[in-house]
Amino acid sequence: TYNRAIGVDTLQQPLVNYSELLSEYNYVSGCI
């Protein structure tokens, strides 16, 4: 995506991240 974007594509639409996708498969996620 473009510089400065946080979790959105070049059209500023949300992108699915690990925690969101993996939660559908019963995963838990963390960020440190």
Full PDB file with SEQRES, HELIX, SHEET, SSBOND, CRYST1, ORIGX, SCALE, CONECT and MASTER records, all heavy atoms in Angstrom:
SEQRES   1 A   32  THR TYR ASN ARG ALA ILE GLY VAL ASP THR LEU GLN GLN          
SEQRES   2 A   32  PRO LEU VAL ASN TYR SER GLU LEU LEU SER GLU TYR ASN          
SEQRES   3 A   32  TYR VAL SER GLY CYS ILE                                      
HELIX    1 AA1 TYR A   18  SER A   23  1                                   6    
CRYST1    1.000    1.000    1.000  90.00  90.00  90.00 P 1           1          
ORIGX1      1.000000  0.000000  0.000000        0.00000                         
ORIGX2      0.000000  1.000000  0.000000        0.00000                         
ORIGX3      0.000000  0.000000  1.000000        0.00000                         
SCALE1      1.000000  0.000000  0.000000        0.00000                         
SCALE2      0.000000  1.000000  0.000000        0.00000                         
SCALE3      0.000000  0.000000  1.000000        0.00000                         
ATOM      1  N   THR A   1       0.842  -1.186   0.000  1.00  0.00           N  
ATOM      2  CA  THR A   1       0.000   0.000   0.000  1.00  0.00           C  
ATOM      3  C   THR A   1       0.883   1.243   0.000  1.00  0.00           C  
ATOM      4  O   THR A   1       2.110   1.149  -0.116  1.00  0.00           O  
ATOM      5  CB  THR A   1      -0.957  -0.015   1.199  1.00  0.00           C  
ATOM      6  OG1 THR A   1      -1.892   1.062   1.090  1.00  0.00           O  
ATOM      7  CG2 THR A   1      -0.205   0.088   2.522  1.00  0.00           C  
ATOM      8  N   TYR A   2       0.270   2.391   0.122  1.00  0.00           N  
ATOM      9  CA  TYR A   2       1.018   3.649   0.085  1.00  0.00           C  
ATOM     10  C   TYR A   2       1.667   3.935   1.441  1.00  0.00           C  
ATOM     11  O   TYR A   2       1.186   3.487   2.488  1.00  0.00           O  
ATOM     12  CB  TYR A   2       0.114   4.804  -0.339  1.00  0.00           C  
ATOM     13  CG  TYR A   2      -1.064   5.073   0.595  1.00  0.00           C  
ATOM     14  CD1 TYR A   2      -0.970   5.996   1.648  1.00  0.00           C  
ATOM     15  CD2 TYR A   2      -2.283   4.406   0.423  1.00  0.00           C  
ATOM     16  CE1 TYR A   2      -2.036   6.243   2.495  1.00  0.00           C  
ATOM     17  CE2 TYR A   2      -3.354   4.652   1.265  1.00  0.00           C  
ATOM     18  CZ  TYR A   2      -3.227   5.572   2.300  1.00  0.00           C  
ATOM     19  OH  TYR A   2      -4.287   5.813   3.149  1.00  0.00           O  
ATOM     20  N   ASN A   3       2.748   4.691   1.405  1.00  0.00           N  
ATOM     21  CA  ASN A   3       3.405   5.088   2.648  1.00  0.00           C  
ATOM     22  C   ASN A   3       2.440   5.858   3.536  1.00  0.00           C  
ATOM     23  O   ASN A   3       1.677   6.698   3.057  1.00  0.00           O  
ATOM     24  CB  ASN A   3       4.638   5.941   2.362  1.00  0.00           C  
ATOM     25  CG  ASN A   3       5.834   5.101   1.941  1.00  0.00           C  
ATOM     26  OD1 ASN A   3       5.761   3.868   1.869  1.00  0.00           O  
ATOM     27  ND2 ASN A   3       6.951   5.765   1.654  1.00  0.00           N  
ATOM     28  N   ARG A   4       2.509   5.546   4.825  1.00  0.00           N  
ATOM     29  CA  ARG A   4       1.706   6.125   5.905  1.00  0.00           C  
ATOM     30  C   ARG A   4       0.391   5.383   6.127  1.00  0.00           C  
ATOM     31  O   ARG A   4      -0.307   5.632   7.117  1.00  0.00           O  
ATOM     32  CB  ARG A   4       1.443   7.636   5.706  1.00  0.00           C  
ATOM     33  CG  ARG A   4       2.714   8.473   5.592  1.00  0.00           C  
ATOM     34  CD  ARG A   4       2.428   9.957   5.724  1.00  0.00           C  
ATOM     35  NE  ARG A   4       1.941  10.294   7.066  1.00  0.00           N  
ATOM     36  CZ  ARG A   4       2.729  10.480   8.121  1.00  0.00           C  
ATOM     37  NH1 ARG A   4       4.040  10.346   8.016  1.00  0.00           N  
ATOM     38  NH2 ARG A   4       2.198  10.809   9.272  1.00  0.00           N  
ATOM     39  N   ALA A   5       0.035   4.450   5.246  1.00  0.00           N  
ATOM     40  CA  ALA A   5      -1.227   3.719   5.404  1.00  0.00           C  
ATOM     41  C   ALA A   5      -1.125   2.684   6.517  1.00  0.00           C  
ATOM     42  O   ALA A   5      -0.138   1.958   6.621  1.00  0.00           O  
ATOM     43  CB  ALA A   5      -1.606   3.036   4.098  1.00  0.00           C  
ATOM     44  N   ILE A   6      -2.155   2.591   7.333  1.00  0.00           N  
ATOM     45  CA  ILE A   6      -2.229   1.606   8.418  1.00  0.00           C  
ATOM     46  C   ILE A   6      -3.376   0.645   8.129  1.00  0.00           C  
ATOM     47  O   ILE A   6      -4.558   0.968   8.333  1.00  0.00           O  
ATOM     48  CB  ILE A   6      -2.453   2.274   9.796  1.00  0.00           C  
ATOM     49  CG1 ILE A   6      -1.306   3.222  10.134  1.00  0.00           C  
ATOM     50  CG2 ILE A   6      -2.642   1.211  10.891  1.00  0.00           C  
ATOM     51  CD1 ILE A   6       0.006   2.542  10.438  1.00  0.00           C  
ATOM     52  N   GLY A   7      -3.046  -0.526   7.582  1.00  0.00           N  
ATOM     53  CA  GLY A   7      -4.060  -1.563   7.382  1.00  0.00           C  
ATOM     54  C   GLY A   7      -5.113  -1.244   6.345  1.00  0.00           C  
ATOM     55  O   GLY A   7      -6.213  -1.813   6.398  1.00  0.00           O  
ATOM     56  N   VAL A   8      -4.798  -0.331   5.411  1.00  0.00           N  
ATOM     57  CA  VAL A   8      -5.736  -0.048   4.324  1.00  0.00           C  
ATOM     58  C   VAL A   8      -4.993  -0.127   2.993  1.00  0.00           C  
ATOM     59  O   VAL A   8      -3.769   0.009   2.940  1.00  0.00           O  
ATOM     60  CB  VAL A   8      -6.397   1.348   4.478  1.00  0.00           C  
ATOM     61  CG1 VAL A   8      -7.234   1.416   5.748  1.00  0.00           C  
ATOM     62  CG2 VAL A   8      -5.343   2.460   4.455  1.00  0.00           C  
ATOM     63  N   ASP A   9      -5.756  -0.331   1.912  1.00  0.00           N  
ATOM     64  CA  ASP A   9      -5.131  -0.450   0.602  1.00  0.00           C  
ATOM     65  C   ASP A   9      -4.934   0.920  -0.032  1.00  0.00           C  
ATOM     66  O   ASP A   9      -5.163   1.966   0.608  1.00  0.00           O  
ATOM     67  CB  ASP A   9      -5.937  -1.380  -0.298  1.00  0.00           C  
ATOM     68  CG  ASP A   9      -7.353  -0.869  -0.581  1.00  0.00           C  
ATOM     69  OD1 ASP A   9      -7.607   0.350  -0.383  1.00  0.00           O  
ATOM     70  OD2 ASP A   9      -8.212  -1.674  -0.997  1.00  0.00           O  
ATOM     71  N   THR A  10      -4.537   0.949  -1.288  1.00  0.00           N  
ATOM     72  CA  THR A  10      -4.253   2.216  -1.963  1.00  0.00           C  
ATOM     73  C   THR A  10      -5.513   3.055  -2.163  1.00  0.00           C  
ATOM     74  O   THR A  10      -5.420   4.254  -2.436  1.00  0.00           O  
ATOM     75  CB  THR A  10      -3.588   1.960  -3.325  1.00  0.00           C  
ATOM     76  OG1 THR A  10      -4.412   1.068  -4.092  1.00  0.00           O  
ATOM     77  CG2 THR A  10      -2.211   1.331  -3.139  1.00  0.00           C  
ATOM     78  N   LEU A  11      -6.680   2.436  -2.036  1.00  0.00           N  
ATOM     79  CA  LEU A  11      -7.957   3.161  -2.126  1.00  0.00           C  
ATOM     80  C   LEU A  11      -8.496   3.490  -0.741  1.00  0.00           C  
ATOM     81  O   LEU A  11      -9.647   3.906  -0.598  1.00  0.00           O  
ATOM     82  CB  LEU A  11      -8.976   2.338  -2.917  1.00  0.00           C  
ATOM     83  CG  LEU A  11      -8.576   2.008  -4.365  1.00  0.00           C  
ATOM     84  CD1 LEU A  11      -9.631   1.115  -5.022  1.00  0.00           C  
ATOM     85  CD2 LEU A  11      -8.362   3.277  -5.172  1.00  0.00           C  
ATOM     86  N   GLN A  12      -7.661   3.254   0.268  1.00  0.00           N  
ATOM     87  CA  GLN A  12      -7.991   3.529   1.669  1.00  0.00           C  
ATOM     88  C   GLN A  12      -9.127   2.653   2.194  1.00  0.00           C  
ATOM     89  O   GLN A  12      -9.855   3.016   3.116  1.00  0.00           O  
ATOM     90  CB  GLN A  12      -8.323   5.017   1.871  1.00  0.00           C  
ATOM     91  CG  GLN A  12      -7.164   5.935   1.517  1.00  0.00           C  
ATOM     92  CD  GLN A  12      -7.416   7.396   1.829  1.00  0.00           C  
ATOM     93  OE1 GLN A  12      -8.535   7.786   2.145  1.00  0.00           O  
ATOM     94  NE2 GLN A  12      -6.370   8.209   1.757  1.00  0.00           N  
ATOM     95  N   GLN A  13      -9.214   1.448   1.612  1.00  0.00           N  
ATOM     96  CA  GLN A  13     -10.194   0.470   2.087  1.00  0.00           C  
ATOM     97  C   GLN A  13      -9.507  -0.532   3.023  1.00  0.00           C  
ATOM     98  O   GLN A  13      -8.351  -0.891   2.800  1.00  0.00           O  
ATOM     99  CB  GLN A  13     -10.827  -0.270   0.911  1.00  0.00           C  
ATOM    100  CG  GLN A  13     -11.615   0.636  -0.022  1.00  0.00           C  
ATOM    101  CD  GLN A  13     -12.733   1.379   0.697  1.00  0.00           C  
ATOM    102  OE1 GLN A  13     -13.596   0.750   1.348  1.00  0.00           O  
ATOM    103  NE2 GLN A  13     -12.711   2.698   0.622  1.00  0.00           N  
ATOM    104  N   PRO A  14     -10.199  -0.992   4.063  1.00  0.00           N  
ATOM    105  CA  PRO A  14      -9.582  -1.907   5.038  1.00  0.00           C  
ATOM    106  C   PRO A  14      -9.085  -3.198   4.395  1.00  0.00           C  
ATOM    107  O   PRO A  14      -9.731  -3.756   3.506  1.00  0.00           O  
ATOM    108  CB  PRO A  14     -10.714  -2.189   6.025  1.00  0.00           C  
ATOM    109  CG  PRO A  14     -11.651  -1.040   5.881  1.00  0.00           C  
ATOM    110  CD  PRO A  14     -11.588  -0.641   4.435  1.00  0.00           C  
ATOM    111  N   LEU A  15      -7.940  -3.646   4.855  1.00  0.00           N  
ATOM    112  CA  LEU A  15      -7.373  -4.926   4.438  1.00  0.00           C  
ATOM    113  C   LEU A  15      -7.472  -5.905   5.605  1.00  0.00           C  
ATOM    114  O   LEU A  15      -7.317  -5.527   6.766  1.00  0.00           O  
ATOM    115  CB  LEU A  15      -5.902  -4.750   4.043  1.00  0.00           C  
ATOM    116  CG  LEU A  15      -5.622  -3.956   2.764  1.00  0.00           C  
ATOM    117  CD1 LEU A  15      -4.152  -3.578   2.699  1.00  0.00           C  
ATOM    118  CD2 LEU A  15      -6.026  -4.768   1.535  1.00  0.00           C  
ATOM    119  N   VAL A  16      -7.706  -7.154   5.297  1.00  0.00           N  
ATOM    120  CA  VAL A  16      -7.823  -8.169   6.346  1.00  0.00           C  
ATOM    121  C   VAL A  16      -6.429  -8.529   6.850  1.00  0.00           C  
ATOM    122  O   VAL A  16      -5.528  -8.856   6.063  1.00  0.00           O  
ATOM    123  CB  VAL A  16      -8.522  -9.430   5.810  1.00  0.00           C  
ATOM    124  CG1 VAL A  16      -8.562 -10.521   6.888  1.00  0.00           C  
ATOM    125  CG2 VAL A  16      -9.938  -9.088   5.350  1.00  0.00           C  
ATOM    126  N   ASN A  17      -6.241  -8.464   8.157  1.00  0.00           N  
ATOM    127  CA  ASN A  17      -4.940  -8.798   8.741  1.00  0.00           C  
ATOM    128  C   ASN A  17      -4.949 -10.200   9.340  1.00  0.00           C  
ATOM    129  O   ASN A  17      -5.980 -10.892   9.333  1.00  0.00           O  
ATOM    130  CB  ASN A  17      -4.528  -7.747   9.783  1.00  0.00           C  
ATOM    131  CG  ASN A  17      -5.552  -7.596  10.895  1.00  0.00           C  
ATOM    132  OD1 ASN A  17      -6.050  -8.579  11.430  1.00  0.00           O  
ATOM    133  ND2 ASN A  17      -5.856  -6.349  11.257  1.00  0.00           N  
ATOM    134  N   TYR A  18      -3.818 -10.637   9.871  1.00  0.00           N  
ATOM    135  CA  TYR A  18      -3.691 -11.993  10.427  1.00  0.00           C  
ATOM    136  C   TYR A  18      -4.748 -12.291  11.481  1.00  0.00           C  
ATOM    137  O   TYR A  18      -5.415 -13.334  11.443  1.00  0.00           O  
ATOM    138  CB  TYR A  18      -2.302 -12.191  11.053  1.00  0.00           C  
ATOM    139  CG  TYR A  18      -1.185 -12.380  10.088  1.00  0.00           C  
ATOM    140  CD1 TYR A  18      -0.208 -11.399   9.930  1.00  0.00           C  
ATOM    141  CD2 TYR A  18      -1.078 -13.541   9.312  1.00  0.00           C  
ATOM    142  CE1 TYR A  18       0.844 -11.567   9.042  1.00  0.00           C  
ATOM    143  CE2 TYR A  18      -0.028 -13.713   8.420  1.00  0.00           C  
ATOM    144  CZ  TYR A  18       0.922 -12.721   8.290  1.00  0.00           C  
ATOM    145  OH  TYR A  18       1.963 -12.890   7.407  1.00  0.00           O  
ATOM    146  N   SER A  19      -4.852 -11.399  12.461  1.00  0.00           N  
ATOM    147  CA  SER A  19      -5.760 -11.705  13.581  1.00  0.00           C  
ATOM    148  C   SER A  19      -7.197 -11.820  13.109  1.00  0.00           C  
ATOM    149  O   SER A  19      -7.966 -12.656  13.618  1.00  0.00           O  
ATOM    150  CB  SER A  19      -5.641 -10.638  14.675  1.00  0.00           C  
ATOM    151  OG  SER A  19      -6.022  -9.368  14.202  1.00  0.00           O  
ATOM    152  N   GLU A  20      -7.589 -10.991  12.140  1.00  0.00           N  
ATOM    153  CA  GLU A  20      -8.961 -11.046  11.632  1.00  0.00           C  
ATOM    154  C   GLU A  20      -9.204 -12.318  10.834  1.00  0.00           C  
ATOM    155  O   GLU A  20     -10.233 -12.993  11.010  1.00  0.00           O  
ATOM    156  CB  GLU A  20      -9.227  -9.810  10.771  1.00  0.00           C  
ATOM    157  CG  GLU A  20      -9.241  -8.525  11.584  1.00  0.00           C  
ATOM    158  CD  GLU A  20      -9.140  -7.268  10.737  1.00  0.00           C  
ATOM    159  OE1 GLU A  20      -8.724  -7.353   9.561  1.00  0.00           O  
ATOM    160  OE2 GLU A  20      -9.459  -6.185  11.258  1.00  0.00           O  
ATOM    161  N   LEU A  21      -8.287 -12.667   9.965  1.00  0.00           N  
ATOM    162  CA  LEU A  21      -8.462 -13.873   9.151  1.00  0.00           C  
ATOM    163  C   LEU A  21      -8.374 -15.138  10.000  1.00  0.00           C  
ATOM    164  O   LEU A  21      -9.213 -16.045   9.884  1.00  0.00           O  
ATOM    165  CB  LEU A  21      -7.401 -13.911   8.059  1.00  0.00           C  
ATOM    166  CG  LEU A  21      -7.410 -15.145   7.155  1.00  0.00           C  
ATOM    167  CD1 LEU A  21      -8.722 -15.242   6.386  1.00  0.00           C  
ATOM    168  CD2 LEU A  21      -6.234 -15.131   6.195  1.00  0.00           C  
ATOM    169  N   LEU A  22      -7.361 -15.188  10.864  1.00  0.00           N  
ATOM    170  CA  LEU A  22      -7.138 -16.405  11.637  1.00  0.00           C  
ATOM    171  C   LEU A  22      -8.208 -16.633  12.699  1.00  0.00           C  
ATOM    172  O   LEU A  22      -8.438 -17.780  13.128  1.00  0.00           O  
ATOM    173  CB  LEU A  22      -5.757 -16.360  12.284  1.00  0.00           C  
ATOM    174  CG  LEU A  22      -4.578 -16.401  11.309  1.00  0.00           C  
ATOM    175  CD1 LEU A  22      -3.255 -16.303  12.065  1.00  0.00           C  
ATOM    176  CD2 LEU A  22      -4.608 -17.671  10.468  1.00  0.00           C  
ATOM    177  N   SER A  23      -8.890 -15.563  13.121  1.00  0.00           N  
ATOM    178  CA  SER A  23      -9.964 -15.739  14.107  1.00  0.00           C  
ATOM    179  C   SER A  23     -11.090 -16.600  13.537  1.00  0.00           C  
ATOM    180  O   SER A  23     -11.799 -17.296  14.274  1.00  0.00           O  
ATOM    181  CB  SER A  23     -10.519 -14.379  14.548  1.00  0.00           C  
ATOM    182  OG  SER A  23     -11.172 -13.725  13.468  1.00  0.00           O  
ATOM    183  N   GLU A  24     -11.239 -16.580  12.207  1.00  0.00           N  
ATOM    184  CA  GLU A  24     -12.252 -17.407  11.556  1.00  0.00           C  
ATOM    185  C   GLU A  24     -11.895 -18.894  11.629  1.00  0.00           C  
ATOM    186  O   GLU A  24     -12.750 -19.760  11.408  1.00  0.00           O  
ATOM    187  CB  GLU A  24     -12.406 -16.979  10.098  1.00  0.00           C  
ATOM    188  CG  GLU A  24     -12.865 -15.533   9.934  1.00  0.00           C  
ATOM    189  CD  GLU A  24     -12.933 -15.113   8.480  1.00  0.00           C  
ATOM    190  OE1 GLU A  24     -12.743 -15.999   7.601  1.00  0.00           O  
ATOM    191  OE2 GLU A  24     -13.171 -13.925   8.210  1.00  0.00           O  
ATOM    192  N   TYR A  25     -10.643 -19.183  11.931  1.00  0.00           N  
ATOM    193  CA  TYR A  25     -10.185 -20.569  12.055  1.00  0.00           C  
ATOM    194  C   TYR A  25      -9.856 -20.919  13.513  1.00  0.00           C  
ATOM    195  O   TYR A  25      -9.094 -21.837  13.777  1.00  0.00           O  
ATOM    196  CB  TYR A  25      -8.950 -20.778  11.177  1.00  0.00           C  
ATOM    197  CG  TYR A  25      -9.236 -20.614   9.694  1.00  0.00           C  
ATOM    198  CD1 TYR A  25      -9.051 -19.383   9.070  1.00  0.00           C  
ATOM    199  CD2 TYR A  25      -9.697 -21.681   8.926  1.00  0.00           C  
ATOM    200  CE1 TYR A  25      -9.306 -19.217   7.721  1.00  0.00           C  
ATOM    201  CE2 TYR A  25      -9.957 -21.521   7.576  1.00  0.00           C  
ATOM    202  CZ  TYR A  25      -9.764 -20.289   6.978  1.00  0.00           C  
ATOM    203  OH  TYR A  25     -10.030 -20.131   5.627  1.00  0.00           O  
ATOM    204  N   ASN A  26     -10.465 -20.143  14.426  1.00  0.00           N  
ATOM    205  CA  ASN A  26     -10.364 -20.421  15.857  1.00  0.00           C  
ATOM    206  C   ASN A  26      -8.978 -20.141  16.435  1.00  0.00           C  
ATOM    207  O   ASN A  26      -8.593 -20.717  17.449  1.00  0.00           O  
ATOM    208  CB  ASN A  26     -10.760 -21.873  16.167  1.00  0.00           C  
ATOM    209  CG  ASN A  26     -11.243 -22.032  17.595  1.00  0.00           C  
ATOM    210  OD1 ASN A  26     -11.853 -21.130  18.169  1.00  0.00           O  
ATOM    211  ND2 ASN A  26     -10.959 -23.183  18.184  1.00  0.00           N  
ATOM    212  N   TYR A  27      -8.218 -19.264  15.803  1.00  0.00           N  
ATOM    213  CA  TYR A  27      -6.921 -18.846  16.338  1.00  0.00           C  
ATOM    214  C   TYR A  27      -7.109 -17.701  17.321  1.00  0.00           C  
ATOM    215  O   TYR A  27      -8.044 -16.891  17.197  1.00  0.00           O  
ATOM    216  CB  TYR A  27      -6.004 -18.340  15.218  1.00  0.00           C  
ATOM    217  CG  TYR A  27      -5.273 -19.410  14.450  1.00  0.00           C  
ATOM    218  CD1 TYR A  27      -5.946 -20.263  13.580  1.00  0.00           C  
ATOM    219  CD2 TYR A  27      -3.887 -19.541  14.549  1.00  0.00           C  
ATOM    220  CE1 TYR A  27      -5.269 -21.230  12.837  1.00  0.00           C  
ATOM    221  CE2 TYR A  27      -3.204 -20.501  13.811  1.00  0.00           C  
ATOM    222  CZ  TYR A  27      -3.895 -21.335  12.966  1.00  0.00           C  
ATOM    223  OH  TYR A  27      -3.224 -22.279  12.235  1.00  0.00           O  
ATOM    224  N   VAL A  28      -6.198 -17.603  18.257  1.00  0.00           N  
ATOM    225  CA  VAL A  28      -6.069 -16.403  19.083  1.00  0.00           C  
ATOM    226  C   VAL A  28      -4.783 -15.703  18.655  1.00  0.00           C  
ATOM    227  O   VAL A  28      -3.845 -16.346  18.173  1.00  0.00           O  
ATOM    228  CB  VAL A  28      -6.040 -16.724  20.586  1.00  0.00           C  
ATOM    229  CG1 VAL A  28      -7.410 -17.203  21.059  1.00  0.00           C  
ATOM    230  CG2 VAL A  28      -4.964 -17.748  20.910  1.00  0.00           C  
ATOM    231  N   SER A  29      -4.752 -14.380  18.836  1.00  0.00           N  
ATOM    232  CA  SER A  29      -3.618 -13.606  18.334  1.00  0.00           C  
ATOM    233  C   SER A  29      -3.121 -12.606  19.367  1.00  0.00           C  
ATOM    234  O   SER A  29      -3.870 -12.163  20.244  1.00  0.00           O  
ATOM    235  CB  SER A  29      -4.000 -12.850  17.056  1.00  0.00           C  
ATOM    236  OG  SER A  29      -4.372 -13.756  16.030  1.00  0.00           O  
ATOM    237  N   GLY A  30      -1.851 -12.245  19.231  1.00  0.00           N  
ATOM    238  CA  GLY A  30      -1.266 -11.268  20.124  1.00  0.00           C  
ATOM    239  C   GLY A  30      -0.295 -10.358  19.409  1.00  0.00           C  
ATOM    240  O   GLY A  30       0.211 -10.682  18.323  1.00  0.00           O  
ATOM    241  N   CYS A  31      -0.039  -9.216  20.017  1.00  0.00           N  
ATOM    242  CA  CYS A  31       0.868  -8.220  19.445  1.00  0.00           C  
ATOM    243  C   CYS A  31       1.706  -7.622  20.579  1.00  0.00           C  
ATOM    244  O   CYS A  31       1.157  -7.068  21.536  1.00  0.00           O  
ATOM    245  CB  CYS A  31       0.063  -7.130  18.747  1.00  0.00           C  
ATOM    246  SG  CYS A  31       1.056  -5.810  18.019  1.00  0.00           S  
ATOM    247  N   ILE A  32       3.027  -7.744  20.454  1.00  0.00           N  
ATOM    248  CA  ILE A  32       3.955  -7.229  21.467  1.00  0.00           C  
ATOM    249  C   ILE A  32       4.952  -6.313  20.781  1.00  0.00           C  
ATOM    250  O   ILE A  32       5.500  -6.642  19.721  1.00  0.00           O  
ATOM    251  CB  ILE A  32       4.701  -8.387  22.158  1.00  0.00           C  
ATOM    252  CG1 ILE A  32       3.719  -9.298  22.910  1.00  0.00           C  
ATOM    253  CG2 ILE A  32       5.762  -7.856  23.117  1.00  0.00           C  
ATOM    254  CD1 ILE A  32       4.349 -10.571  23.450  1.00  0.00           C  
TER     255      ILE A  32                                                      
MASTER        0    0    0    1    0    0    0    6  254    1    0    3          
END                                                                             
